[in-house]
Structure formats: structure tokens, C-alpha cells
Protein backbone atom coordinates (compact mmCIF):
# COMPACT_ATOMS: atom_id res chain seq x y z
CA MET A 1 110.49 63.01 56.99
CA SER A 2 111.07 64.59 60.48
CA LYS A 3 114.45 63.19 60.73
CA THR A 4 115.73 65.60 58.01
CA LEU A 5 114.32 68.77 59.58
CA ILE A 6 116.62 71.51 59.91
CA PRO A 7 116.95 73.38 63.27
CA ALA A 8 114.52 76.23 62.31
CA GLN A 9 111.85 73.72 61.24
CA ARG A 10 112.13 71.80 64.40
CA ARG A 11 111.84 74.90 66.43
CA GLU A 12 108.73 76.21 64.68
CA ARG A 13 107.12 72.79 65.35
CA ILE A 14 107.87 72.99 69.03
CA GLN A 15 106.64 76.45 69.18
CA LYS A 16 103.40 75.62 67.38
CA TYR A 17 103.03 72.40 69.75
CA LEU A 18 103.44 74.65 72.83
CA GLU A 19 100.94 77.28 71.38
CA THR A 20 98.35 74.42 71.19
CA TYR A 21 99.12 72.64 74.46
CA LYS A 22 100.95 75.39 76.62
CA ILE A 23 103.29 72.77 78.08
CA ALA A 24 105.06 69.67 76.73
CA ARG A 25 107.30 66.93 78.04
CA THR A 26 110.76 66.41 76.34
CA VAL A 27 109.89 62.81 75.59
CA ASP A 28 106.86 63.86 73.58
CA LEU A 29 108.87 66.46 71.61
CA TYR A 30 111.62 64.16 70.39
CA LYS A 31 109.07 61.49 69.48
CA MET A 32 107.19 63.96 67.56
CA LEU A 33 110.40 65.11 65.81
CA GLU A 34 111.87 61.69 65.59
CA THR A 35 115.25 63.08 66.73
CA SER A 36 117.49 62.67 69.85
CA GLU A 37 116.59 64.10 73.31
CA ALA A 38 119.87 66.06 73.15
CA THR A 39 118.85 67.82 70.00
CA VAL A 40 115.40 68.62 71.54
CA TRP A 41 117.23 70.02 74.65
CA ARG A 42 119.51 72.31 72.45
CA ASP A 43 116.38 73.49 70.41
CA LEU A 44 114.62 74.34 73.75
CA GLU A 45 117.70 76.08 75.07
CA TRP A 46 117.71 78.34 71.81
CA LEU A 47 113.96 79.00 72.19
CA GLU A 48 114.33 79.98 75.91
CA GLN A 49 117.23 82.41 74.94
CA LYS A 50 114.72 84.02 72.45
CA GLY A 51 112.22 84.39 75.30
CA ILE A 52 109.50 82.11 73.45
CA ILE A 53 109.63 79.31 76.13
CA GLU A 54 110.64 78.32 79.49
CA ARG A 55 112.35 75.11 80.23
CA THR A 56 110.79 73.20 83.20
CA HIS A 57 111.43 69.95 85.02
CA GLY A 58 111.50 67.30 82.16
CA GLY A 59 110.10 69.64 79.47
CA ALA A 60 109.11 73.19 78.57
CA MET A 61 106.23 75.65 78.67
CA LEU A 62 105.18 78.46 76.49
CA SER A 63 106.18 82.01 77.89
CA GLN A 64 103.12 83.86 78.20
CA ARG A 65 103.31 87.72 79.13
CA ILE A 66 100.86 89.82 80.97
CA THR A 67 101.79 93.53 80.53
CA LEU A 68 98.65 95.44 81.62
CA GLU A 69 96.94 95.04 84.98
CA PRO A 70 93.50 93.66 84.15
CA GLU A 71 90.71 95.56 86.08
CA TYR A 72 89.33 93.81 89.26
CA GLN A 73 85.79 92.90 87.62
CA GLN A 74 87.44 91.50 84.67
CA ARG A 75 89.59 89.12 86.70
CA ALA A 76 86.87 88.20 88.97
CA LYS A 77 84.90 86.66 85.95
CA LYS A 78 87.84 84.13 85.37
CA HIS A 79 87.84 80.82 87.24
CA PRO A 80 85.40 81.85 89.90
CA GLU A 81 84.85 78.35 91.25
CA GLU A 82 88.45 77.58 91.33
CA LYS A 83 89.14 80.71 93.27
CA GLN A 84 86.46 80.12 95.86
CA MET A 85 87.94 76.50 96.60
CA ILE A 86 91.45 77.85 96.67
CA GLY A 87 90.28 80.67 99.07
CA ALA A 88 88.70 78.17 101.44
CA LEU A 89 91.83 75.92 101.56
CA ALA A 90 94.22 78.92 102.11
CA SER A 91 92.17 80.32 104.63
CA ALA A 92 92.12 76.96 106.58
CA LEU A 93 95.96 77.34 106.82
CA ILE A 94 95.48 80.38 109.10
CA GLU A 95 95.66 79.33 112.73
CA ASP A 96 94.77 80.93 116.27
CA GLY A 97 97.30 83.54 117.14
CA ASP A 98 98.64 84.08 113.55
CA ILE A 99 99.33 87.64 112.28
CA VAL A 100 98.80 87.30 108.59
CA PHE A 101 99.54 89.65 105.55
CA ILE A 102 97.19 89.19 102.59
CA ASN A 103 97.45 91.40 99.32
CA SER A 104 94.89 92.56 96.82
CA GLY A 105 93.39 90.34 94.25
CA THR A 106 90.38 88.17 93.40
CA THR A 107 91.72 85.05 94.77
CA THR A 108 92.86 86.71 98.07
CA THR A 109 89.42 88.18 98.31
CA GLN A 110 88.06 84.67 98.71
CA VAL A 111 90.76 83.94 101.11
CA ILE A 112 89.61 86.95 103.35
CA ARG A 113 85.98 86.31 102.83
CA GLN A 114 86.28 82.55 104.07
CA ILE A 115 88.34 83.08 107.28
CA ARG A 116 86.12 81.61 109.94
CA SER A 117 84.14 84.21 112.12
CA GLY A 118 85.64 84.54 115.56
CA ALA A 119 89.13 83.35 114.67
CA ASN A 120 91.76 84.76 117.06
CA ILE A 121 93.84 86.26 114.40
CA THR A 122 95.04 89.43 112.96
CA VAL A 123 95.00 90.30 109.20
CA PHE A 124 96.82 93.22 107.49
CA THR A 125 95.78 93.92 104.02
CA ASN A 126 95.67 96.41 101.14
CA ASN A 127 92.66 94.61 99.65
CA LEU A 128 90.04 97.25 99.80
CA HIS A 129 87.36 95.30 97.96
CA ALA A 130 87.46 92.55 100.57
CA ALA A 131 87.20 95.16 103.32
CA LEU A 132 84.25 96.85 101.75
CA GLU A 133 82.20 93.79 101.15
CA MET A 134 82.77 91.98 104.46
CA GLY A 135 81.04 94.17 107.00
CA GLU A 136 81.81 92.81 110.40
CA PRO A 137 84.72 90.49 109.82
CA GLY A 138 84.83 88.57 113.15
CA PHE A 139 88.55 88.94 113.36
CA HIS A 140 91.06 91.72 113.80
CA HIS A 141 91.32 93.33 110.41
CA TYR A 142 93.49 96.17 109.43
CA LEU A 143 93.67 98.09 106.02
CA ILE A 144 97.30 99.34 105.67
CA GLY A 145 96.24 102.61 104.09
CA GLY A 146 97.83 104.30 100.98
CA GLU A 147 96.94 105.59 97.46
CA PHE A 148 93.81 104.20 96.05
CA GLN A 149 94.52 101.77 92.95
CA PRO A 150 91.25 101.79 91.01
CA ARG A 151 92.12 98.70 88.70
CA SER A 152 92.85 96.36 91.39
CA LEU A 153 90.54 98.05 94.08
CA SER A 154 93.32 98.23 96.55
CA VAL A 155 95.63 100.62 98.14
CA ALA A 156 99.53 101.03 97.70
CA GLY A 157 102.33 103.46 97.64
CA ARG A 158 104.55 105.19 100.10
CA PHE A 159 101.94 105.58 102.88
CA ALA A 160 101.17 101.84 102.70
CA THR A 161 104.68 100.78 102.75
CA ASP A 162 105.49 102.99 105.64
CA ASN A 163 102.74 101.43 107.63
CA LEU A 164 103.71 97.90 106.79
CA LYS A 165 107.44 98.54 107.95
CA GLN A 166 105.90 98.76 111.45
CA VAL A 167 104.44 95.12 111.33
CA TYR A 168 105.86 91.54 111.28
CA ALA A 169 103.73 88.74 110.42
CA ASN A 170 104.21 84.98 110.85
CA LYS A 171 102.21 84.07 107.49
CA THR A 172 101.80 85.80 104.29
CA ILE A 173 99.22 84.72 101.69
CA ILE A 174 99.76 86.25 98.29
CA GLY A 175 97.88 86.30 94.97
CA VAL A 176 99.82 86.91 91.83
CA ASP A 177 99.40 87.32 88.04
CA GLY A 178 102.09 84.76 86.86
CA ILE A 179 104.18 81.95 88.27
CA SER A 180 107.01 80.50 86.19
CA LEU A 181 110.28 78.55 86.79
CA LYS A 182 112.51 81.29 85.50
CA HIS A 183 110.73 84.47 86.53
CA GLY A 184 109.12 83.12 89.81
CA CYS A 185 106.01 85.19 91.00
CA THR A 186 105.17 88.25 89.12
CA VAL A 187 102.45 91.02 89.10
CA PRO A 188 101.75 93.86 86.44
CA SER A 189 101.76 96.72 88.89
CA ASN A 190 105.07 98.01 90.53
CA ALA A 191 103.01 99.71 93.37
CA GLU A 192 101.48 96.19 94.21
CA ALA A 193 104.96 94.67 93.73
CA GLU A 194 106.50 96.98 96.32
CA VAL A 195 103.60 96.02 98.82
CA ILE A 196 104.12 92.38 98.19
CA ARG A 197 107.87 92.22 98.52
CA LEU A 198 107.51 94.12 101.95
CA MET A 199 105.16 91.78 103.10
CA ILE A 200 107.35 88.79 102.32
CA GLU A 201 110.41 90.57 103.83
CA HIS A 202 108.41 91.13 107.07
CA THR A 203 107.14 87.64 107.35
CA LYS A 204 108.75 85.44 109.83
CA GLY A 205 107.22 82.40 108.73
CA LYS A 206 105.46 80.56 105.76
CA VAL A 207 104.94 82.48 102.43
CA ILE A 208 101.92 80.96 100.67
CA ILE A 209 100.75 81.60 97.07
CA ALA A 210 97.10 81.38 96.20
CA ALA A 211 96.75 81.06 92.58
CA ASP A 212 94.61 79.18 90.07
CA HIS A 213 96.13 76.95 87.51
CA SER A 214 96.01 79.48 84.65
CA LYS A 215 98.71 81.52 86.46
CA TRP A 216 101.32 78.78 85.80
CA GLY A 217 103.57 79.65 82.90
CA LYS A 218 102.56 83.28 82.82
CA VAL A 219 105.05 86.07 83.21
CA SER A 220 104.19 89.67 84.27
CA ASN A 221 106.12 92.93 84.64
CA TYR A 222 107.44 92.82 88.34
CA GLN A 223 108.85 89.96 90.10
CA VAL A 224 107.79 89.65 93.76
CA ALA A 225 109.37 86.35 94.75
CA SER A 226 111.46 83.65 93.20
CA LEU A 227 110.26 80.05 93.53
CA ASP A 228 112.91 79.59 96.28
CA GLU A 229 111.23 82.18 98.49
CA ILE A 230 107.84 80.61 98.53
CA ASP A 231 106.91 77.75 100.74
CA LYS A 232 103.49 76.60 99.53
CA LEU A 233 101.17 76.99 96.47
CA VAL A 234 97.47 76.61 96.91
CA THR A 235 95.84 76.00 93.61
CA ASP A 236 93.16 73.97 91.84
CA GLU A 237 93.00 70.42 90.35
CA ALA A 238 93.62 71.55 86.72
CA ILE A 239 97.31 72.46 87.57
CA ASP A 240 99.52 70.39 85.23
CA ALA A 241 101.44 67.54 87.03
CA SER A 242 104.94 68.81 85.54
CA ALA A 243 104.25 72.04 87.58
CA ILE A 244 103.87 70.28 90.68
CA GLU A 245 107.16 68.35 90.04
CA THR A 246 108.88 71.62 89.06
CA LEU A 247 107.66 73.29 92.25
CA ALA A 248 108.58 70.44 94.45
CA ALA A 249 112.16 70.42 93.06
CA HIS A 250 112.32 74.03 94.59
CA SER A 251 110.91 72.63 97.96
CA VAL A 252 107.49 74.40 97.29
CA GLU A 253 104.51 72.22 98.53
CA SER A 254 101.51 72.16 96.21
CA LEU A 255 98.01 71.96 97.94
CA ILE A 256 95.30 71.08 95.75
CA ALA A 257 91.76 72.68 96.53
CA ASP A 258 88.59 70.74 95.36
CA ALA A 259 84.88 71.01 96.24
CA ASN A 260 85.56 69.42 99.67
CA SER A 261 87.75 72.53 100.60
CA VAL A 262 84.42 74.63 100.67
CA GLU A 263 82.19 74.27 103.63
CA THR A 264 78.69 73.58 102.68
């Protein structure tokens, strides 16, 4: 019977459950193990100390590491419809008169692509891919310059950050590779992380994360912001409800994109 399981057996079952479902509520775990909620919390604390899981609001999620920056085309193949919807909803948050920082990435490319033509706005970005495919953008669009980053089709480095230091925005829209309760927003490239941190530092307004549901629970190499440093998450309908609750506890508003977000 599960009531007689020793701690190592309980922790193994919790880990296997999370490997299957990625996220779990505490109530589900103590029912599965037929033990007390306090015992489950002690097991979760132990697993978190080992770096296997992260505790969340009312449960836990598997800690998933991203150590190598995927190439742009590889990332573009993942969740393309969700990214398009997120891009449409995030771009709709940009208002006339805004000065906006937008970083590199496949989701932020969708944001830039779907900004309405003729908008009275100014965008500063290191997203080379978006700039190359847009042609005439219909709004003020500045590349910040810098060293070419072939894996992400972006620019970064000292030249990029020196240029960014001369500008202040009133909104920043950021794409990231991982979002978690413990580690916040993370990316795999230090060069990109430096650009993002400076964008956030030079923003006198809302910091918005644009990321599909698969980014929740993932952790990469370099933190760019804690949850307390962001204001909104624009994501898709597949995001777990417990993620929305966790973010809300840190005063992060979750905006859910769907097919209605995209103009037809």
C-alpha cells in the first residue's frame, strides 16, 4: 500500500508523475500517495532542493532545462499558430505615440509583423529577421546595430548595448525561452540576455512577455527578469490554469490569445 511508502519511493512516484504530466496539484499528489498534504510538501521541498522540480502556487512542476540556444528556423517550426495569435494580441497593446523595445525571437517577429501599418509609433529592436522580411514597415523602425548572432538572426554585443543606452521606451515586449516561478524569465544566450536586461532597465512603463504555453516551467542559462519585474504575459489557451494563478500572485496579468486575436 502507498501508505507504507518510504520517502525515496514517494519522491520517485512524484517525479514520474511530473515527467508524464509536467505539472501537478498538491491535492492530486497526496491522493495518489495516500498520505498527508504536509508529507507531500516535505517531499516537494526535497525535490526542489535537488533541482528536479519547482514548487508553484498549489503544486509543483517539472524543472526543464534549456542549455543550448536553438537555431531560429528550428524554433519557428514549434507552435507557429500560437505564436501568430500571440503576436497579434501583443501588437494590439501598442498605442499611438509609444516607443517600444522588442527583442529577437520567433514570437516577437510575429509581434513586429502584425503591428498595424501607419501606426504613429517607434520600435527599437535587435530582431534582424523581422527587419529583413518586412520591407516598408509603415512605422518608425530602428535596428539597434551590433554583432550578428547567426543562431537567433539578431544583433547583440557592446555596440548594441551602447546604442540602447541612449534610448528610453515606454513599453517593452520580450520573447523568452523559459518562464518559471523560481528563476523567472530566462534565455540561453548571454549576449541576448544583456540586450533584454538593458531594454527592461530603460523602460518607463509596462514590461510585456510574449511566450507560448510551452515556455512555462522551462529554465535556460541566463535570467533576464524575475516574475516581479514583468507586468503582463501574452500567451495562448493551452497555458495551465495553475500558471495563471501563480503569475497573478506576483501581480502579472495573463492575456490569452486565440483565433479572434488575428485579423482576417
